[in-house]
N, C-alpha and C. Protein backbone atom coordinates (compact mmCIF):
# COMPACT_ATOMS: atom_id res chain seq x y z
N UNK A 1 55.36 122.67 121.59
CA UNK A 1 56.19 121.41 121.42
C UNK A 1 57.26 121.85 120.25
N UNK A 2 56.79 122.69 119.38
CA UNK A 2 57.54 123.08 118.27
C UNK A 2 58.98 124.02 118.91
N UNK A 3 58.60 124.71 119.84
CA UNK A 3 59.68 125.39 120.38
C UNK A 3 60.67 124.78 121.14
N UNK A 4 60.29 123.64 121.71
CA UNK A 4 61.15 122.84 122.56
C UNK A 4 61.84 121.99 121.42
N UNK A 5 61.46 121.52 120.43
CA UNK A 5 62.32 120.78 119.27
C UNK A 5 63.13 121.76 118.84
N UNK A 6 62.95 122.96 118.32
CA UNK A 6 63.69 124.04 117.92
C UNK A 6 64.92 124.28 119.02
N UNK A 7 64.55 124.44 120.15
CA UNK A 7 65.76 124.78 121.21
C UNK A 7 66.60 123.53 121.14
N UNK A 8 66.09 122.37 121.29
CA UNK A 8 66.80 121.24 121.31
C UNK A 8 67.84 120.97 119.96
N UNK A 9 67.18 121.35 118.68
CA UNK A 9 67.91 121.37 117.56
C UNK A 9 69.04 122.37 117.62
N UNK A 10 68.94 123.55 118.10
CA UNK A 10 69.75 124.48 118.10
C UNK A 10 71.00 124.09 119.16
N UNK A 11 70.43 123.65 120.21
CA UNK A 11 71.53 123.14 121.38
C UNK A 11 72.39 122.01 120.75
N UNK A 12 71.77 121.04 120.07
CA UNK A 12 72.46 119.99 119.60
C UNK A 12 73.51 120.53 118.43
N UNK A 13 73.19 121.44 117.67
CA UNK A 13 74.04 121.96 116.60
C UNK A 13 75.05 123.01 117.15
N UNK A 14 74.71 123.48 118.04
CA UNK A 14 75.87 124.43 118.92
C UNK A 14 76.92 123.44 119.64
N UNK A 15 76.58 122.48 120.17
CA UNK A 15 77.17 121.41 120.97
C UNK A 15 78.15 120.85 119.79
N UNK A 16 77.78 120.25 118.79
CA UNK A 16 78.34 119.78 117.62
C UNK A 16 79.44 120.71 117.08
N UNK A 17 79.07 121.93 116.84
CA UNK A 17 79.94 122.98 116.37
C UNK A 17 81.07 123.08 117.49
N UNK A 18 80.82 123.27 118.71
CA UNK A 18 81.85 123.66 119.55
C UNK A 18 82.78 122.31 119.75
N UNK A 19 82.50 121.17 119.46
CA UNK A 19 83.38 120.19 119.43
C UNK A 19 84.10 120.12 118.29
N UNK A 20 83.52 120.81 117.02
CA UNK A 20 84.25 120.72 115.77
C UNK A 20 85.47 121.82 115.92
N UNK A 21 84.97 122.94 116.61
CA UNK A 21 85.99 123.98 116.75
C UNK A 21 87.13 123.61 117.59
N UNK A 22 86.82 122.70 118.71
CA UNK A 22 88.07 122.18 119.30
C UNK A 22 89.09 121.36 118.72
N UNK A 23 88.50 120.46 117.79
CA UNK A 23 89.10 119.46 117.16
C UNK A 23 90.42 120.13 116.33
N UNK A 24 91.55 119.21 116.23
CA UNK A 24 92.62 119.83 115.61
C UNK A 24 92.54 119.26 114.19
N UNK A 25 92.39 120.27 113.26
CA UNK A 25 91.97 119.96 111.83
C UNK A 25 92.97 119.19 111.13
N UNK A 26 94.33 119.11 111.67
CA UNK A 26 95.34 118.34 111.04
C UNK A 26 94.97 116.74 111.10
N UNK A 27 94.20 116.41 112.05
CA UNK A 27 93.89 114.95 112.05
C UNK A 27 92.90 114.68 110.98
N UNK A 28 92.29 115.53 110.22
CA UNK A 28 91.49 115.28 109.21
C UNK A 28 92.37 114.94 107.78
N UNK A 29 93.42 114.67 108.03
CA UNK A 29 94.28 114.01 106.95
C UNK A 29 94.04 112.49 107.08
N UNK A 30 93.67 111.82 108.09
CA UNK A 30 93.35 110.58 108.49
C UNK A 30 91.88 110.32 108.81
N UNK A 31 91.45 111.03 109.58
CA UNK A 31 89.97 111.21 110.23
C UNK A 31 88.87 111.97 109.60
N UNK A 32 87.75 111.61 109.55
CA UNK A 32 86.69 112.68 109.13
C UNK A 32 86.38 113.39 110.39
N UNK A 33 85.87 114.60 110.28
CA UNK A 33 85.29 115.23 111.38
C UNK A 33 84.31 114.61 112.32
N UNK A 34 83.45 113.77 111.61
CA UNK A 34 82.52 112.99 112.54
C UNK A 34 83.49 111.91 113.31
N UNK A 35 84.55 111.49 112.69
CA UNK A 35 85.36 110.51 113.63
C UNK A 35 86.13 111.14 114.54
N UNK A 36 86.48 112.36 114.33
CA UNK A 36 87.26 113.23 115.26
C UNK A 36 86.45 113.66 116.51
N UNK A 37 85.32 113.99 116.21
CA UNK A 37 84.48 114.24 117.38
C UNK A 37 83.96 113.05 118.17
N UNK A 38 83.64 111.97 117.24
CA UNK A 38 83.30 110.61 118.06
C UNK A 38 84.67 110.34 118.77
N UNK A 39 85.85 110.51 118.46
CA UNK A 39 87.15 110.28 119.47
C UNK A 39 87.00 110.98 120.40
N UNK A 40 86.80 112.40 120.49
CA UNK A 40 86.85 113.24 121.20
C UNK A 40 85.96 112.89 122.60
N UNK A 41 84.70 112.64 122.11
CA UNK A 41 83.54 112.07 123.12
C UNK A 41 84.02 110.76 123.62
N UNK A 42 84.22 109.60 122.80
CA UNK A 42 84.47 108.30 123.29
C UNK A 42 85.78 107.89 123.92
N UNK A 43 87.03 108.51 123.29
CA UNK A 43 88.25 108.25 123.79
C UNK A 43 89.13 109.65 123.73
N UNK A 44 88.88 110.56 124.77
CA UNK A 44 89.61 111.59 124.69
C UNK A 44 91.20 111.35 124.99
N UNK A 45 91.43 110.40 125.56
CA UNK A 45 92.96 110.12 125.96
C UNK A 45 93.64 109.72 124.52
N UNK A 46 93.24 109.00 123.67
CA UNK A 46 93.53 108.64 122.29
C UNK A 46 93.77 109.99 121.66
N UNK A 47 92.56 110.87 121.57
CA UNK A 47 92.54 112.08 120.94
C UNK A 47 93.71 112.75 121.33
N UNK A 48 93.87 113.04 122.49
CA UNK A 48 94.96 114.00 122.95
C UNK A 48 96.37 113.29 122.65
N UNK A 49 96.42 112.06 122.76
CA UNK A 49 97.78 111.50 122.31
C UNK A 49 97.91 111.66 120.83
N UNK A 50 97.12 111.65 120.05
CA UNK A 50 97.30 111.78 118.49
C UNK A 50 97.66 113.33 118.33
N UNK A 51 97.00 114.41 118.96
CA UNK A 51 97.29 115.67 118.82
C UNK A 51 98.56 115.80 119.14
N UNK A 52 99.06 115.47 120.46
CA UNK A 52 100.33 115.56 120.76
C UNK A 52 101.49 114.80 119.81
N UNK A 53 100.97 113.95 119.39
CA UNK A 53 101.86 113.21 118.54
C UNK A 53 102.19 114.16 117.18
N UNK A 54 101.03 114.69 116.77
CA UNK A 54 101.44 115.60 115.45
C UNK A 54 102.65 116.37 115.61
N UNK A 55 102.92 116.87 116.72
CA UNK A 55 104.07 117.76 116.99
C UNK A 55 105.30 117.23 117.52
N UNK A 56 105.07 116.02 118.05
CA UNK A 56 106.15 115.45 119.21
C UNK A 56 106.55 114.23 118.67
N UNK A 57 105.79 113.33 117.65
CA UNK A 57 106.00 112.02 117.60
C UNK A 57 107.37 111.67 116.77
N UNK A 58 107.61 112.56 115.78
CA UNK A 58 108.86 112.33 114.79
C UNK A 58 109.96 113.33 115.17
N UNK A 59 111.15 112.52 115.26
CA UNK A 59 112.35 113.48 115.17
C UNK A 59 113.70 112.49 114.40
N UNK A 60 114.66 113.38 114.18
CA UNK A 60 115.53 112.86 113.32
C UNK A 60 116.85 112.43 114.06
N UNK A 61 117.67 111.59 113.93
CA UNK A 61 118.98 111.02 114.39
C UNK A 61 119.79 110.75 113.32
N UNK A 62 121.12 110.78 113.55
CA UNK A 62 122.18 110.38 112.71
C UNK A 62 122.04 108.68 112.90
N UNK A 63 122.34 108.11 111.49
CA UNK A 63 122.47 106.81 111.31
C UNK A 63 123.58 105.96 112.16
N UNK A 64 123.14 105.07 113.05
CA UNK A 64 124.39 104.58 113.80
C UNK A 64 125.25 104.01 112.79
N UNK A 65 126.49 104.30 112.86
CA UNK A 65 127.53 103.41 111.86
C UNK A 65 127.79 102.14 112.13
N UNK A 66 127.76 101.67 113.32
CA UNK A 66 128.01 100.15 113.67
C UNK A 66 126.73 99.30 113.59
N UNK A 67 125.69 99.84 113.00
CA UNK A 67 124.38 98.82 113.00
C UNK A 67 124.20 98.63 111.40
N UNK A 68 123.67 97.27 111.27
CA UNK A 68 123.55 96.82 109.74
C UNK A 68 122.08 97.57 109.58
N UNK A 69 122.02 98.33 108.55
CA UNK A 69 120.70 99.05 108.14
C UNK A 69 120.04 98.52 106.93
N UNK A 70 120.50 97.46 106.75
CA UNK A 70 119.83 96.91 105.17
C UNK A 70 118.43 96.55 105.56
N UNK A 71 117.89 96.29 106.69
CA UNK A 71 116.54 95.92 106.46
C UNK A 71 115.53 97.10 106.89
N UNK A 72 116.10 98.42 106.95
CA UNK A 72 115.13 99.30 107.25
C UNK A 72 114.52 100.04 105.97
N UNK A 73 113.57 100.51 105.88
CA UNK A 73 112.86 101.14 104.89
C UNK A 73 113.28 102.58 104.67
N UNK A 74 113.60 102.87 103.53
CA UNK A 74 114.07 104.47 103.22
C UNK A 74 112.85 105.04 102.62
N UNK A 75 112.66 106.23 103.08
CA UNK A 75 111.65 107.08 102.74
C UNK A 75 112.07 108.57 102.62
N UNK A 76 111.42 109.32 101.59
CA UNK A 76 111.76 110.69 101.49
C UNK A 76 111.18 111.75 102.47
N UNK A 77 111.99 112.44 103.16
CA UNK A 77 111.68 113.28 104.21
C UNK A 77 112.29 114.71 104.03
N UNK A 78 111.72 115.86 103.95
CA UNK A 78 112.15 116.96 104.00
C UNK A 78 112.42 117.40 105.39
N UNK A 79 113.58 117.38 105.86
CA UNK A 79 114.22 117.59 107.30
C UNK A 79 114.03 119.00 107.65
N UNK A 80 113.99 120.14 106.61
CA UNK A 80 113.95 121.25 107.02
C UNK A 80 112.50 121.83 107.42
N UNK A 81 111.62 121.08 107.04
CA UNK A 81 110.19 121.40 107.44
C UNK A 81 109.77 120.62 108.81
N UNK A 82 108.94 121.28 109.64
CA UNK A 82 108.36 120.47 110.65
C UNK A 82 108.00 119.02 110.48
N UNK A 83 108.21 117.94 111.18
CA UNK A 83 107.62 116.60 110.86
C UNK A 83 106.41 116.26 111.46
N UNK A 84 105.59 115.92 110.87
CA UNK A 84 104.38 115.36 111.04
C UNK A 84 103.95 113.94 110.63
N UNK A 85 103.78 113.11 111.48
CA UNK A 85 103.50 111.67 110.87
C UNK A 85 102.41 111.40 110.11
N UNK A 86 101.43 112.23 109.93
CA UNK A 86 100.42 112.07 108.90
C UNK A 86 100.82 112.73 107.47
N UNK A 87 101.51 113.63 107.77
CA UNK A 87 102.01 114.46 106.53
C UNK A 87 102.89 113.52 105.79
N UNK A 88 103.68 112.65 106.61
CA UNK A 88 104.48 111.42 105.86
C UNK A 88 103.80 110.18 105.63
N UNK A 89 102.63 110.05 105.86
CA UNK A 89 101.66 109.13 105.58
C UNK A 89 102.07 107.81 106.62
N UNK A 90 102.47 108.08 107.85
CA UNK A 90 102.79 107.07 108.82
C UNK A 90 101.74 107.15 109.70
N UNK A 91 101.66 106.06 110.56
CA UNK A 91 100.72 105.94 111.67
C UNK A 91 101.67 105.62 112.92
N UNK A 92 101.02 105.80 114.07
CA UNK A 92 101.72 105.57 115.50
C UNK A 92 101.15 103.85 115.76
N UNK A 93 102.32 103.52 116.17
CA UNK A 93 102.21 102.07 116.34
C UNK A 93 102.62 101.94 117.82
N UNK A 94 102.71 100.31 118.33
CA UNK A 94 102.82 99.92 119.58
C UNK A 94 104.27 100.10 119.80
N UNK A 95 105.08 99.90 118.68
CA UNK A 95 106.61 100.14 118.99
C UNK A 95 107.03 101.16 118.29
N UNK A 96 108.49 101.83 118.74
CA UNK A 96 108.90 102.80 117.88
C UNK A 96 109.38 102.37 116.44
N UNK A 97 109.18 103.16 115.53
CA UNK A 97 109.43 102.98 114.13
C UNK A 97 110.70 103.80 113.77
N UNK A 98 111.54 103.12 112.96
CA UNK A 98 112.91 103.76 112.44
C UNK A 98 112.91 103.68 110.90
N UNK A 99 113.13 104.73 110.24
CA UNK A 99 113.26 104.67 108.88
C UNK A 99 114.40 105.53 108.31
N UNK A 100 115.12 105.10 107.40
CA UNK A 100 116.29 105.81 106.75
C UNK A 100 115.61 106.91 105.90
N UNK A 101 116.30 107.91 106.07
CA UNK A 101 115.85 109.00 105.27
C UNK A 101 116.56 109.19 103.83
N UNK A 102 115.90 109.12 102.85
CA UNK A 102 116.43 109.12 101.60
C UNK A 102 117.44 110.29 101.21
N UNK A 103 118.69 109.91 100.61
CA UNK A 103 119.71 110.90 100.35
C UNK A 103 120.29 111.64 101.47
N UNK A 104 120.39 110.95 102.62
CA UNK A 104 120.95 111.40 103.82
C UNK A 104 121.74 110.29 104.59
N UNK A 105 122.41 110.79 105.70
CA UNK A 105 122.92 109.68 106.57
C UNK A 105 122.04 109.81 107.88
N UNK A 106 120.92 110.17 107.79
CA UNK A 106 119.93 110.50 108.92
C UNK A 106 118.80 109.43 109.02
N UNK A 107 118.21 109.20 110.08
CA UNK A 107 116.95 108.27 110.32
C UNK A 107 115.99 109.05 110.98
N UNK A 108 114.77 108.61 110.61
CA UNK A 108 113.48 109.37 111.06
C UNK A 108 112.97 108.44 112.24
N UNK A 109 112.75 108.87 113.47
CA UNK A 109 112.15 107.98 114.47
C UNK A 109 110.74 108.60 114.60
N UNK A 110 109.79 107.36 114.83
CA UNK A 110 108.45 107.81 115.08
C UNK A 110 108.13 107.08 116.38
N UNK A 111 107.89 107.83 117.36
CA UNK A 111 107.62 107.11 118.80
C UNK A 111 106.37 106.41 118.83
N UNK A 112 106.41 105.56 119.92
CA UNK A 112 105.18 104.44 120.17
C UNK A 112 104.14 105.03 120.69
N UNK A 113 103.01 104.50 120.73
CA UNK A 113 101.85 104.77 121.57
C UNK A 113 102.19 104.88 123.07
N UNK A 114 102.95 104.01 123.30
CA UNK A 114 103.44 103.93 125.04
C UNK A 114 104.43 105.33 125.14
N UNK A 115 105.34 105.43 124.33
CA UNK A 115 106.20 106.40 124.55
C UNK A 115 105.49 107.81 124.78
N UNK A 116 104.68 108.15 123.71
CA UNK A 116 103.78 109.29 123.68
C UNK A 116 102.91 109.52 124.97
N UNK A 117 102.33 108.47 125.22
CA UNK A 117 101.26 108.47 126.36
C UNK A 117 102.23 108.69 127.67
N UNK A 118 103.31 108.11 127.70
CA UNK A 118 104.32 108.37 128.78
C UNK A 118 104.64 109.90 128.77
N UNK A 119 105.05 110.34 127.80
CA UNK A 119 105.36 111.69 127.87
C UNK A 119 104.25 112.52 128.22
N UNK A 120 102.97 112.40 127.88
CA UNK A 120 101.86 113.20 128.08
C UNK A 120 101.73 113.02 129.72
N UNK A 121 101.71 111.89 130.24
CA UNK A 121 101.42 111.80 131.65
C UNK A 121 102.45 112.35 132.60
N UNK A 122 103.93 112.44 132.03
CA UNK A 122 104.92 112.89 132.93
C UNK A 122 105.47 114.34 132.82
N UNK A 123 104.81 114.83 131.52
CA UNK A 123 105.35 116.33 131.34
C UNK A 123 104.91 117.33 132.40
N UNK A 124 105.74 118.14 132.36
CA UNK A 124 105.43 119.26 133.41
C UNK A 124 104.24 120.28 132.90
N UNK A 125 103.52 120.53 133.86
CA UNK A 125 102.36 121.44 133.30
C UNK A 125 102.63 122.76 133.73
């Protein structure tokens, strides 16, 4: 009986460890390792979307000159570094988000959940 319990414990530990190794540690800025493991198990589509979003959710555009931008939030962004929504303290939402970039004539765009999922399902493999 002790052997079986030991084997089961080792198997459980190795399984949990393998999930932790597969997880993208960049998500730990918002989620605990336990939450990430749970997401991988319970909602892998959400996990895959978030990992994809870490690299592809944000991009920079020129501010449109013909548009009134007074209602937009201004945020500091270092456009010389790779953009990551978690590093910027942002979340992926149901709609695209637009922010003025402090000290520039640029805007940061953060793609929506729908856009990111659409890109994931239509990208060429």
